[in-house]
Amino acid sequence: MELIVNENAKTLIRELESTHGAILFYQSFGCCDGSVALCYAKKDFQLGNNDVCLASTDGIELWTHHSQVQLYKDKIFHLSIEIGNGNEYSLEYGCGMHFVFL
């Protein structure tokens, strides 16, 4: 698995880190929003024993539950941003942009 972060996403990440400290991404598989990239401050998000780091690059980590690893085993994650608010549980909510995996 590989994580590629485009420049627009890196800019938003740096902005969030300046306010919240180090961040991580969690590839959700919830019922409400389906599978989305959720961004959390590392200090506020408790990883569990069943969570696995899928990929990391330049200090940016992508985690998910171990039950999802087989679904992503050959995936290249391209992290980008889109205009508009995304999931209200994600750190970037309210800034007019949201993270997406392409």
N, C-alpha and C. Protein backbone atom coordinates (compact mmCIF):
# COMPACT_ATOMS: atom_id res chain seq x y z
N MET A 1 0.84 -1.18 0.00
CA MET A 1 0.00 0.00 0.00
C MET A 1 0.89 1.24 0.00
N GLU A 2 0.40 2.25 -0.66
CA GLU A 2 1.17 3.47 -0.80
C GLU A 2 0.26 4.67 -0.59
N LEU A 3 0.81 5.73 -0.02
CA LEU A 3 0.08 6.97 0.21
C LEU A 3 0.79 8.10 -0.53
N ILE A 4 0.06 8.75 -1.43
CA ILE A 4 0.57 9.89 -2.18
C ILE A 4 -0.30 11.09 -1.81
N VAL A 5 0.33 12.17 -1.40
CA VAL A 5 -0.40 13.35 -0.95
C VAL A 5 -0.10 14.50 -1.92
N ASN A 6 -1.15 15.06 -2.53
CA ASN A 6 -0.90 16.15 -3.48
C ASN A 6 -0.63 17.46 -2.72
N GLU A 7 -0.18 18.47 -3.45
CA GLU A 7 0.25 19.73 -2.83
C GLU A 7 -0.89 20.45 -2.12
N ASN A 8 -2.09 20.42 -2.68
CA ASN A 8 -3.23 21.08 -2.04
C ASN A 8 -3.54 20.43 -0.69
N ALA A 9 -3.50 19.11 -0.64
CA ALA A 9 -3.73 18.40 0.62
C ALA A 9 -2.61 18.70 1.61
N LYS A 10 -1.36 18.77 1.13
CA LYS A 10 -0.25 19.09 2.03
C LYS A 10 -0.42 20.47 2.65
N THR A 11 -0.90 21.43 1.86
CA THR A 11 -1.12 22.78 2.37
C THR A 11 -2.16 22.78 3.49
N LEU A 12 -3.27 22.07 3.27
CA LEU A 12 -4.31 22.00 4.30
C LEU A 12 -3.79 21.25 5.52
N ILE A 13 -3.03 20.21 5.32
CA ILE A 13 -2.45 19.46 6.44
C ILE A 13 -1.57 20.37 7.28
N ARG A 14 -0.71 21.16 6.64
CA ARG A 14 0.17 22.08 7.38
C ARG A 14 -0.66 23.09 8.18
N GLU A 15 -1.74 23.59 7.60
CA GLU A 15 -2.61 24.53 8.31
C GLU A 15 -3.22 23.88 9.55
N LEU A 16 -3.72 22.67 9.38
CA LEU A 16 -4.32 21.95 10.50
C LEU A 16 -3.30 21.63 11.57
N GLU A 17 -2.10 21.22 11.16
CA GLU A 17 -1.06 20.90 12.13
C GLU A 17 -0.60 22.14 12.90
N SER A 18 -0.64 23.31 12.28
CA SER A 18 -0.24 24.52 12.99
C SER A 18 -1.21 24.84 14.13
N THR A 19 -2.43 24.40 14.00
CA THR A 19 -3.44 24.63 15.03
C THR A 19 -3.58 23.45 15.99
N HIS A 20 -3.52 22.23 15.47
CA HIS A 20 -3.87 21.04 16.24
C HIS A 20 -2.69 20.12 16.56
N GLY A 21 -1.52 20.41 16.07
CA GLY A 21 -0.40 19.50 16.24
C GLY A 21 -0.46 18.39 15.20
N ALA A 22 0.29 17.33 15.46
CA ALA A 22 0.36 16.20 14.52
C ALA A 22 -1.03 15.61 14.28
N ILE A 23 -1.26 15.19 13.03
CA ILE A 23 -2.55 14.60 12.67
C ILE A 23 -2.35 13.19 12.11
N LEU A 24 -3.44 12.48 11.98
CA LEU A 24 -3.46 11.19 11.30
C LEU A 24 -4.76 11.09 10.53
N PHE A 25 -4.78 10.17 9.59
CA PHE A 25 -6.00 9.89 8.82
C PHE A 25 -6.47 8.49 9.17
N TYR A 26 -7.77 8.35 9.23
CA TYR A 26 -8.37 7.05 9.48
C TYR A 26 -9.35 6.77 8.36
N GLN A 27 -9.12 5.68 7.65
CA GLN A 27 -10.03 5.28 6.56
C GLN A 27 -11.22 4.60 7.20
N SER A 28 -12.32 5.33 7.27
CA SER A 28 -13.50 4.81 7.94
C SER A 28 -14.21 3.78 7.06
N PHE A 29 -15.08 3.06 7.67
CA PHE A 29 -15.94 2.13 6.93
C PHE A 29 -17.29 2.12 7.62
N GLY A 30 -17.69 3.31 8.07
CA GLY A 30 -18.93 3.44 8.84
C GLY A 30 -20.17 3.43 7.98
N CYS A 31 -21.28 3.40 8.66
CA CYS A 31 -22.57 3.30 7.97
C CYS A 31 -23.07 4.63 7.44
N CYS A 32 -22.73 5.72 8.08
CA CYS A 32 -23.34 7.01 7.72
C CYS A 32 -22.76 7.62 6.45
N ASP A 33 -21.46 7.74 6.39
CA ASP A 33 -20.82 8.37 5.24
C ASP A 33 -20.12 7.37 4.34
N GLY A 34 -20.28 6.11 4.63
CA GLY A 34 -19.55 5.11 3.85
C GLY A 34 -18.08 5.16 4.19
N SER A 35 -17.24 4.98 3.21
CA SER A 35 -15.81 4.94 3.42
C SER A 35 -15.21 6.30 3.07
N VAL A 36 -14.77 7.02 4.09
CA VAL A 36 -14.22 8.36 3.88
C VAL A 36 -12.91 8.52 4.64
N ALA A 37 -12.13 9.49 4.19
CA ALA A 37 -10.88 9.84 4.87
C ALA A 37 -11.22 10.78 6.02
N LEU A 38 -11.01 10.34 7.23
CA LEU A 38 -11.25 11.18 8.40
C LEU A 38 -9.92 11.63 8.96
N CYS A 39 -9.82 12.92 9.26
CA CYS A 39 -8.60 13.52 9.77
C CYS A 39 -8.78 13.84 11.25
N TYR A 40 -7.81 13.42 12.06
CA TYR A 40 -7.87 13.64 13.51
C TYR A 40 -6.54 14.15 14.02
N ALA A 41 -6.59 14.92 15.10
CA ALA A 41 -5.37 15.27 15.82
C ALA A 41 -4.90 14.00 16.53
N LYS A 42 -3.63 13.66 16.40
CA LYS A 42 -3.11 12.44 17.03
C LYS A 42 -3.37 12.41 18.52
N LYS A 43 -3.27 13.56 19.16
CA LYS A 43 -3.45 13.62 20.61
C LYS A 43 -4.89 13.33 21.03
N ASP A 44 -5.84 13.47 20.10
CA ASP A 44 -7.25 13.30 20.43
C ASP A 44 -7.84 11.97 19.96
N PHE A 45 -7.10 11.23 19.16
CA PHE A 45 -7.65 10.00 18.58
C PHE A 45 -6.95 8.79 19.19
N GLN A 46 -7.73 7.93 19.80
CA GLN A 46 -7.18 6.73 20.45
C GLN A 46 -7.22 5.56 19.47
N LEU A 47 -6.04 5.16 18.98
CA LEU A 47 -5.96 3.97 18.14
C LEU A 47 -6.11 2.75 19.03
N GLY A 48 -6.76 1.73 18.50
CA GLY A 48 -6.97 0.51 19.25
C GLY A 48 -6.04 -0.60 18.80
N ASN A 49 -6.08 -1.70 19.52
CA ASN A 49 -5.25 -2.87 19.19
C ASN A 49 -5.59 -3.46 17.83
N ASN A 50 -6.78 -3.18 17.33
CA ASN A 50 -7.22 -3.72 16.04
C ASN A 50 -7.00 -2.77 14.88
N ASP A 51 -6.38 -1.63 15.14
CA ASP A 51 -6.09 -0.66 14.08
C ASP A 51 -4.72 -0.93 13.49
N VAL A 52 -4.62 -0.71 12.16
CA VAL A 52 -3.40 -1.00 11.41
C VAL A 52 -3.05 0.22 10.58
N CYS A 53 -1.76 0.57 10.55
CA CYS A 53 -1.30 1.64 9.69
C CYS A 53 -1.17 1.08 8.27
N LEU A 54 -1.99 1.58 7.35
CA LEU A 54 -1.98 1.11 5.97
C LEU A 54 -0.79 1.66 5.20
N ALA A 55 -0.49 2.93 5.44
CA ALA A 55 0.58 3.59 4.69
C ALA A 55 0.96 4.88 5.41
N SER A 56 2.17 5.34 5.13
CA SER A 56 2.59 6.64 5.66
C SER A 56 3.61 7.25 4.71
N THR A 57 3.64 8.57 4.72
CA THR A 57 4.61 9.31 3.92
C THR A 57 4.80 10.68 4.56
N ASP A 58 6.02 11.11 4.68
CA ASP A 58 6.34 12.44 5.22
C ASP A 58 5.65 12.71 6.54
N GLY A 59 5.55 11.70 7.39
CA GLY A 59 4.92 11.88 8.70
C GLY A 59 3.41 11.83 8.69
N ILE A 60 2.80 11.62 7.53
CA ILE A 60 1.35 11.52 7.42
C ILE A 60 0.99 10.04 7.42
N GLU A 61 0.17 9.63 8.37
CA GLU A 61 -0.20 8.22 8.52
C GLU A 61 -1.65 7.99 8.15
N LEU A 62 -1.91 6.84 7.54
CA LEU A 62 -3.27 6.41 7.21
C LEU A 62 -3.53 5.09 7.92
N TRP A 63 -4.55 5.08 8.76
CA TRP A 63 -4.91 3.92 9.57
C TRP A 63 -6.29 3.41 9.19
N THR A 64 -6.54 2.14 9.52
CA THR A 64 -7.88 1.56 9.40
C THR A 64 -7.98 0.37 10.35
N HIS A 65 -9.16 -0.17 10.46
CA HIS A 65 -9.39 -1.37 11.27
C HIS A 65 -8.81 -2.58 10.54
N HIS A 66 -8.27 -3.52 11.28
CA HIS A 66 -7.61 -4.68 10.66
C HIS A 66 -8.53 -5.45 9.73
N SER A 67 -9.84 -5.42 9.96
CA SER A 67 -10.77 -6.15 9.11
C SER A 67 -10.84 -5.58 7.69
N GLN A 68 -10.32 -4.37 7.49
CA GLN A 68 -10.37 -3.73 6.18
C GLN A 68 -9.08 -3.88 5.37
N VAL A 69 -8.03 -4.39 5.99
CA VAL A 69 -6.72 -4.42 5.35
C VAL A 69 -6.73 -5.19 4.03
N GLN A 70 -7.40 -6.31 3.97
CA GLN A 70 -7.43 -7.11 2.74
C GLN A 70 -8.08 -6.34 1.58
N LEU A 71 -9.03 -5.48 1.88
CA LEU A 71 -9.68 -4.68 0.84
C LEU A 71 -8.72 -3.68 0.19
N TYR A 72 -7.72 -3.27 0.96
CA TYR A 72 -6.82 -2.22 0.50
C TYR A 72 -5.42 -2.70 0.19
N LYS A 73 -5.18 -4.00 0.23
CA LYS A 73 -3.81 -4.53 0.16
C LYS A 73 -3.03 -4.12 -1.09
N ASP A 74 -3.67 -3.88 -2.20
CA ASP A 74 -2.97 -3.49 -3.43
C ASP A 74 -3.27 -2.05 -3.84
N LYS A 75 -3.77 -1.26 -2.92
CA LYS A 75 -4.25 0.08 -3.23
C LYS A 75 -3.15 1.13 -3.10
N ILE A 76 -3.21 2.10 -3.98
CA ILE A 76 -2.42 3.32 -3.85
C ILE A 76 -3.40 4.41 -3.48
N PHE A 77 -3.21 5.02 -2.33
CA PHE A 77 -4.09 6.07 -1.84
C PHE A 77 -3.55 7.42 -2.30
N HIS A 78 -4.34 8.16 -3.05
CA HIS A 78 -4.00 9.50 -3.50
C HIS A 78 -4.85 10.47 -2.69
N LEU A 79 -4.23 11.15 -1.72
CA LEU A 79 -4.96 12.07 -0.87
C LEU A 79 -5.00 13.44 -1.53
N SER A 80 -6.22 13.97 -1.64
CA SER A 80 -6.43 15.27 -2.26
C SER A 80 -7.49 16.00 -1.44
N ILE A 81 -7.91 17.16 -1.92
CA ILE A 81 -9.00 17.89 -1.28
C ILE A 81 -10.03 18.26 -2.33
N GLU A 82 -11.25 18.46 -1.87
CA GLU A 82 -12.32 18.96 -2.71
C GLU A 82 -13.00 20.12 -1.99
N ILE A 83 -13.63 20.98 -2.75
CA ILE A 83 -14.36 22.12 -2.20
C ILE A 83 -15.63 21.62 -1.51
N GLY A 84 -15.95 22.23 -0.39
CA GLY A 84 -17.17 21.89 0.35
C GLY A 84 -16.83 21.16 1.64
N ASN A 85 -17.71 21.30 2.60
CA ASN A 85 -17.50 20.61 3.87
C ASN A 85 -17.76 19.12 3.72
N GLY A 86 -16.94 18.34 4.38
CA GLY A 86 -17.09 16.89 4.38
C GLY A 86 -17.73 16.42 5.68
N ASN A 87 -17.18 15.39 6.23
CA ASN A 87 -17.70 14.77 7.44
C ASN A 87 -17.47 15.67 8.64
N GLU A 88 -18.50 15.88 9.43
CA GLU A 88 -18.39 16.79 10.57
C GLU A 88 -17.48 16.25 11.68
N TYR A 89 -17.09 14.99 11.62
CA TYR A 89 -16.18 14.43 12.61
C TYR A 89 -14.72 14.61 12.22
N SER A 90 -14.47 15.04 11.01
CA SER A 90 -13.11 15.20 10.52
C SER A 90 -12.60 16.60 10.85
N LEU A 91 -11.33 16.70 11.16
CA LEU A 91 -10.71 17.93 11.66
C LEU A 91 -10.88 19.13 10.74
N GLU A 92 -10.93 18.91 9.45
CA GLU A 92 -11.03 20.03 8.51
C GLU A 92 -12.46 20.55 8.33
N TYR A 93 -13.41 19.92 8.98
CA TYR A 93 -14.81 20.32 8.83
C TYR A 93 -14.98 21.81 9.15
N GLY A 94 -15.70 22.50 8.30
CA GLY A 94 -15.99 23.91 8.50
C GLY A 94 -15.05 24.86 7.77
N CYS A 95 -13.98 24.31 7.17
CA CYS A 95 -13.02 25.20 6.48
C CYS A 95 -13.36 25.37 5.00
N GLY A 96 -14.42 24.71 4.54
CA GLY A 96 -14.83 24.85 3.15
C GLY A 96 -14.17 23.86 2.20
N MET A 97 -13.34 22.96 2.75
CA MET A 97 -12.68 21.92 1.96
C MET A 97 -12.74 20.62 2.75
N HIS A 98 -12.59 19.51 2.04
CA HIS A 98 -12.51 18.23 2.74
C HIS A 98 -11.55 17.30 2.01
N PHE A 99 -10.97 16.39 2.78
CA PHE A 99 -10.02 15.42 2.23
C PHE A 99 -10.76 14.31 1.51
N VAL A 100 -10.19 13.83 0.43
CA VAL A 100 -10.72 12.69 -0.31
C VAL A 100 -9.57 11.82 -0.79
N PHE A 101 -9.83 10.55 -0.93
CA PHE A 101 -8.90 9.64 -1.58
C PHE A 101 -9.38 9.41 -3.00
N LEU A 102 -8.51 9.64 -3.96
CA LEU A 102 -8.85 9.45 -5.37
C LEU A 102 -8.34 8.11 -5.84
